[in-house]
Protein backbone atom coordinates (compact mmCIF):
# COMPACT_ATOMS: atom_id res chain seq x y z
CA MET A 1 7.08 -177.97 50.87
CA ILE A 2 9.04 -179.48 48.32
CA PHE A 3 10.48 -183.36 49.85
CA ALA A 4 13.10 -183.35 46.31
CA CYS A 5 15.10 -186.22 47.00
CA ASP A 6 18.03 -188.97 44.96
CA LEU A 7 16.71 -192.29 45.08
CA ASP A 8 19.48 -194.76 44.72
CA GLN A 9 20.75 -195.35 47.45
CA THR A 10 18.88 -192.75 49.88
CA LEU A 11 15.51 -193.30 49.34
CA ILE A 12 15.88 -197.59 47.01
CA TYR A 13 18.45 -199.88 47.55
CA SER A 14 19.58 -202.98 45.54
CA ARG A 15 20.36 -206.20 47.71
CA ASN A 16 23.80 -205.58 47.03
CA SER A 17 23.62 -201.93 49.05
CA MET A 18 20.74 -202.50 51.68
CA GLY A 19 22.97 -204.09 54.52
CA PRO A 20 20.92 -206.11 56.52
CA VAL A 21 17.36 -206.36 57.32
CA ASP A 22 14.97 -209.26 57.01
CA ALA A 23 13.24 -209.84 54.23
CA GLU A 24 9.93 -209.77 55.58
CA GLN A 25 10.42 -205.79 56.25
CA LEU A 26 10.87 -204.97 52.69
CA VAL A 27 8.48 -204.08 49.86
CA PRO A 28 9.88 -204.64 46.42
CA VAL A 29 9.62 -200.91 44.51
CA GLU A 30 11.50 -202.06 41.16
CA ARG A 31 11.62 -204.43 38.58
CA ILE A 32 13.77 -205.43 35.77
CA ASP A 33 12.98 -208.76 33.58
CA GLY A 34 10.67 -209.72 35.58
CA GLN A 35 13.02 -209.85 38.93
CA TYR A 36 12.60 -207.91 42.00
CA HIS A 37 15.37 -205.41 41.72
CA SER A 38 15.36 -202.44 44.51
CA PHE A 39 13.34 -202.15 47.66
CA MET A 40 12.50 -200.07 50.62
CA THR A 41 11.55 -201.24 54.21
CA ARG A 42 7.61 -201.58 54.61
CA THR A 43 8.08 -199.00 57.44
CA ALA A 44 9.65 -196.52 55.14
CA TYR A 45 7.10 -196.54 51.84
CA GLU A 46 4.27 -196.88 54.26
CA ASN A 47 6.15 -193.11 55.86
CA LEU A 48 6.90 -191.65 52.05
CA GLN A 49 2.71 -192.54 51.17
CA GLU A 50 1.92 -190.66 54.21
CA LEU A 51 4.16 -187.64 53.34
CA SER A 52 3.23 -187.69 49.95
CA GLU A 53 -0.04 -186.29 50.90
CA ARG A 54 1.59 -183.92 53.11
CA LEU A 55 3.73 -182.15 50.58
CA LEU A 56 5.45 -182.58 47.51
CA PHE A 57 7.35 -184.58 46.93
CA VAL A 58 9.88 -184.85 43.76
CA PRO A 59 11.95 -187.54 43.45
CA ALA A 60 15.39 -186.50 41.84
CA THR A 61 18.10 -189.21 40.14
CA THR A 62 20.44 -189.26 37.41
CA ARG A 63 19.02 -192.08 35.84
CA ILE A 64 17.30 -191.76 32.23
CA THR A 65 13.70 -192.26 31.84
CA GLU A 66 13.79 -195.63 30.66
CA GLN A 67 15.14 -196.77 33.80
CA TYR A 68 13.25 -194.05 36.22
CA ARG A 69 10.08 -196.10 34.83
CA ARG A 70 11.21 -199.54 36.56
CA ILE A 71 10.50 -198.30 40.10
CA PHE A 72 6.51 -199.14 39.98
CA GLY A 73 6.67 -198.41 44.03
CA LEU A 74 6.37 -194.79 43.14
CA THR A 75 3.46 -194.38 41.14
CA GLU A 76 1.40 -197.17 42.74
CA GLY A 77 0.58 -196.03 45.75
CA VAL A 78 3.13 -192.30 46.09
CA ARG A 79 1.34 -189.22 45.49
CA TYR A 80 3.39 -186.47 43.32
CA ARG A 81 3.52 -184.35 40.04
CA TYR A 82 6.98 -183.35 39.78
CA ALA A 83 10.14 -186.21 38.92
CA ILE A 84 13.73 -184.70 38.12
CA VAL A 85 15.26 -187.46 35.47
CA SER A 86 19.18 -187.06 34.17
CA ASN A 87 20.24 -185.68 36.90
CA GLY A 88 17.99 -182.80 36.33
CA GLY A 89 18.34 -182.69 32.31
CA GLN A 90 14.69 -183.68 32.17
CA VAL A 91 11.93 -182.50 34.40
CA PHE A 92 8.55 -184.24 34.22
CA ILE A 93 5.26 -182.93 35.40
CA ASP A 94 1.95 -185.24 35.51
CA GLY A 95 3.56 -188.04 33.62
CA LYS A 96 5.49 -185.78 30.52
CA PRO A 97 8.75 -183.73 30.07
CA ASP A 98 8.70 -180.70 30.20
CA LEU A 99 10.19 -179.25 26.67
CA ASP A 100 11.21 -176.24 27.93
CA TRP A 101 13.26 -177.63 30.43
CA GLU A 102 14.56 -179.31 28.18
CA SER A 103 16.06 -177.20 25.84
CA SER A 104 17.24 -174.70 28.41
CA VAL A 105 19.41 -177.14 29.48
CA ARG A 106 20.95 -178.30 26.32
CA ARG A 107 20.87 -175.21 24.98
CA THR A 108 22.94 -173.35 27.74
CA VAL A 109 25.24 -177.22 27.92
CA ARG A 110 25.64 -176.27 24.19
CA THR A 111 26.94 -172.78 25.01
CA ASN A 112 28.95 -172.79 28.35
CA CYS A 113 30.78 -176.74 28.40
CA ALA A 114 32.96 -178.50 26.52
CA GLU A 115 31.67 -181.68 23.76
CA SER A 116 31.16 -184.82 24.93
CA LEU A 117 33.50 -186.30 22.71
CA GLU A 118 36.72 -183.76 23.68
CA ILE A 119 35.32 -185.19 27.91
CA LYS A 120 35.19 -188.63 27.01
CA GLN A 121 38.47 -188.33 24.84
CA ALA A 122 40.39 -187.05 27.66
CA PHE A 123 39.14 -189.90 30.30
CA ASP A 124 40.36 -192.50 27.83
CA ARG A 125 43.70 -191.07 28.23
CA LEU A 126 43.59 -191.58 31.71
CA VAL A 127 41.51 -194.50 32.12
CA SER A 128 43.03 -198.15 30.90
CA GLU A 129 40.53 -200.71 28.62
CA GLU A 130 41.02 -203.07 31.27
CA CYS A 131 39.44 -200.77 33.80
CA VAL A 132 35.83 -199.88 31.87
CA VAL A 133 33.59 -202.53 32.12
CA LYS A 134 29.98 -200.51 29.75
CA SER A 135 30.60 -197.07 28.94
CA SER A 136 26.97 -194.83 27.98
CA TYR A 137 26.46 -191.29 26.94
CA CYS A 138 22.94 -190.93 28.86
CA ASP A 139 19.81 -188.57 26.77
CA ASP A 140 23.09 -187.23 24.64
CA LEU A 141 24.13 -185.31 27.90
CA PHE A 142 26.27 -186.84 30.19
CA TYR A 143 28.09 -190.32 30.71
CA SER A 144 27.48 -192.95 33.15
CA ILE A 145 30.66 -195.53 33.18
CA VAL A 146 30.88 -199.24 34.70
CA VAL A 147 34.54 -199.68 35.87
CA ASN A 148 35.93 -202.35 37.27
CA ARG A 149 37.20 -200.32 40.60
CA ASP A 150 40.23 -202.53 41.68
CA LEU A 151 41.51 -202.16 38.42
CA LEU A 152 41.39 -197.89 39.27
CA PRO A 153 44.74 -195.52 40.05
CA PRO A 154 44.15 -194.66 43.32
CA ASN A 155 44.01 -191.37 42.60
CA LEU A 156 42.05 -191.44 39.79
CA MET A 157 39.03 -188.88 40.57
CA ALA A 158 41.18 -186.47 41.66
CA GLU A 159 43.16 -186.32 38.43
CA LEU A 160 39.54 -186.69 37.08
CA ALA A 161 38.16 -183.47 38.82
CA THR A 162 41.93 -181.18 37.83
CA MET A 163 41.27 -182.60 34.22
CA LEU A 164 37.96 -181.30 33.95
CA THR A 165 38.71 -177.79 35.85
CA GLY A 166 37.90 -175.46 33.52
CA LEU A 167 36.38 -177.18 30.94
CA GLY A 168 32.33 -177.37 32.31
CA TRP A 169 32.16 -180.85 34.19
CA SER A 170 32.54 -183.02 36.90
CA CYS A 171 32.99 -186.73 37.96
CA SER A 172 31.53 -188.34 40.75
CA LEU A 173 31.99 -192.02 41.09
CA GLN A 174 29.61 -194.56 42.93
CA GLY A 175 29.66 -197.42 43.54
CA ARG A 176 31.19 -199.63 40.31
CA LYS A 177 30.14 -196.29 37.67
CA ILE A 178 32.04 -193.06 37.02
CA TYR A 179 29.81 -190.31 36.20
CA LEU A 180 31.06 -187.40 33.69
CA VAL A 181 28.21 -184.50 33.85
CA PRO A 182 28.04 -181.17 32.40
CA ASP A 183 28.10 -178.36 35.40
CA HIS A 184 24.78 -177.19 33.90
CA VAL A 185 23.43 -180.22 33.95
CA THR A 186 22.72 -180.40 37.68
CA LYS A 187 19.41 -181.27 39.98
CA GLY A 188 19.91 -178.09 41.87
CA ALA A 189 18.57 -176.18 39.47
CA ALA A 190 16.31 -178.13 38.60
CA VAL A 191 14.58 -178.07 41.82
CA GLN A 192 14.85 -174.60 41.99
CA TYR A 193 12.42 -174.90 38.84
CA VAL A 194 10.02 -176.51 40.45
CA LYS A 195 10.15 -174.91 43.15
CA GLU A 196 9.22 -171.49 41.15
CA LEU A 197 6.58 -173.71 38.56
CA SER A 198 5.19 -175.12 42.34
CA GLY A 199 5.22 -172.55 44.19
CA ALA A 200 7.00 -174.18 47.28
CA LEU A 201 8.19 -172.00 49.82
CA SER A 202 11.03 -174.27 51.00
CA VAL A 203 12.45 -177.50 50.51
CA PHE A 204 14.01 -180.44 52.01
CA ALA A 205 16.58 -182.62 50.27
CA ALA A 206 18.27 -185.70 50.77
CA GLY A 207 20.57 -187.73 48.46
CA ASP A 208 23.98 -189.20 49.14
CA SER A 209 26.76 -188.31 46.02
CA LEU A 210 28.02 -185.48 44.83
CA LEU A 211 26.00 -185.78 41.95
CA ASP A 212 22.90 -184.30 44.92
CA GLU A 213 25.50 -181.95 46.23
CA SER A 214 23.87 -178.95 43.84
CA MET A 215 20.24 -179.81 44.99
CA LEU A 216 21.40 -179.82 49.19
CA THR A 217 23.44 -176.70 49.02
CA ILE A 218 19.87 -174.90 48.07
CA ALA A 219 17.86 -176.23 50.25
CA ASP A 220 16.55 -175.04 53.93
CA GLU A 221 17.53 -178.17 55.20
CA ALA A 222 19.44 -181.22 53.64
CA MET A 223 20.16 -185.32 54.81
CA ALA A 224 22.60 -187.17 53.80
CA PRO A 225 23.31 -191.16 54.47
CA LYS A 226 26.26 -191.74 56.04
CA HIS A 227 26.75 -194.29 53.46
CA GLY A 228 27.52 -191.94 50.82
CA GLU A 229 30.16 -190.22 48.49
CA LEU A 230 28.91 -187.33 50.27
CA PHE A 231 29.48 -188.36 53.86
CA ARG A 232 32.81 -190.37 52.65
CA LYS A 233 34.32 -186.74 51.37
CA TYR A 234 32.68 -184.42 54.48
CA GLY A 235 32.12 -186.40 57.71
CA ASN A 236 30.60 -183.16 59.23
CA HIS A 237 29.72 -180.64 57.03
CA ASP A 238 27.39 -177.19 58.63
CA ARG A 239 24.37 -177.60 56.56
CA ILE A 240 24.24 -181.26 55.54
CA ARG A 241 22.78 -183.68 58.45
CA PHE A 242 24.24 -186.98 58.30
CA THR A 243 22.51 -190.24 59.13
CA GLU A 244 23.28 -192.25 61.86
CA ARG A 245 22.06 -194.88 59.97
CA SER A 246 23.84 -196.40 56.88
CA GLY A 247 22.84 -198.76 54.38
CA ILE A 248 18.57 -199.50 53.49
CA ARG A 249 18.23 -197.97 57.39
CA ALA A 250 19.14 -194.73 56.25
CA SER A 251 16.15 -194.32 53.87
CA GLU A 252 14.04 -194.80 57.62
CA GLU A 253 15.74 -192.28 59.29
CA ILE A 254 15.53 -189.22 56.33
CA LEU A 255 11.74 -190.27 56.54
CA GLU A 256 11.24 -190.39 60.39
CA TYR A 257 12.99 -187.18 61.06
CA LEU A 258 11.32 -185.31 57.69
CA THR A 259 7.70 -186.58 59.51
CA ASN A 260 8.54 -185.81 62.47
CA ARG A 261 10.10 -181.91 61.47
CA MET A 262 6.18 -181.99 59.94
CA GLU A 263 4.37 -182.82 62.70
CA VAL A 264 6.56 -180.56 64.63
CA ARG A 265 5.60 -177.26 61.79
CA SER A 266 1.70 -178.10 61.97
CA ALA A 267 2.24 -177.96 65.70
CA LEU A 268 3.43 -174.21 65.48
């Protein structure tokens, strides 16, 4: 079985996103400029370590490679062979990029999606400069735009989605970031690719945002945190189980649920 899991606000949490938790229960997993930035609870981290010995854990993140490599808690103590970064634009095998996959993704985007500059210009016409803090074109694949949410028009995301219709791009709002992503750069396609490479028979997936929906949809079983973008959109879903807990405790709940599922499978 593959356990494909989003990282930020699904598996790992910053201090701003974790919610109430005692400091002594935290395990740091990411360091930026010498300071700890992201955490898991000790219970969740120990469960992840144990699960990684029993199934194929596959981190699946929208982070680019440089940001992903800051998460030392995954490379120190957690076993995994495959990783998905850049929202599915890249797959790593034993720490090295799969160039065949990356070339295939970029070729498909060039053929089927509108030019990135056209998308950014359309975004700029919709959103005033004062709303934008910083804009990055990540891995020459997608945009990550830090915004001042208090200044955003109330119906912006719906207008963005309408604007992108037919252009082969989609949008997602996560915290202070708006993502503009080609439809062919998806975690779901990358997870399916890893499933075929590994010969795994099933997929359990977890993620909180609309950018995770593609991999939750192709999974045999899926979970999402109660606090995320998916929960705000659906509230209820026939294929996605939402956690009872929010914040960093949602990570615990997802890992506990999967651990119990593995024990049931072993007993059969």
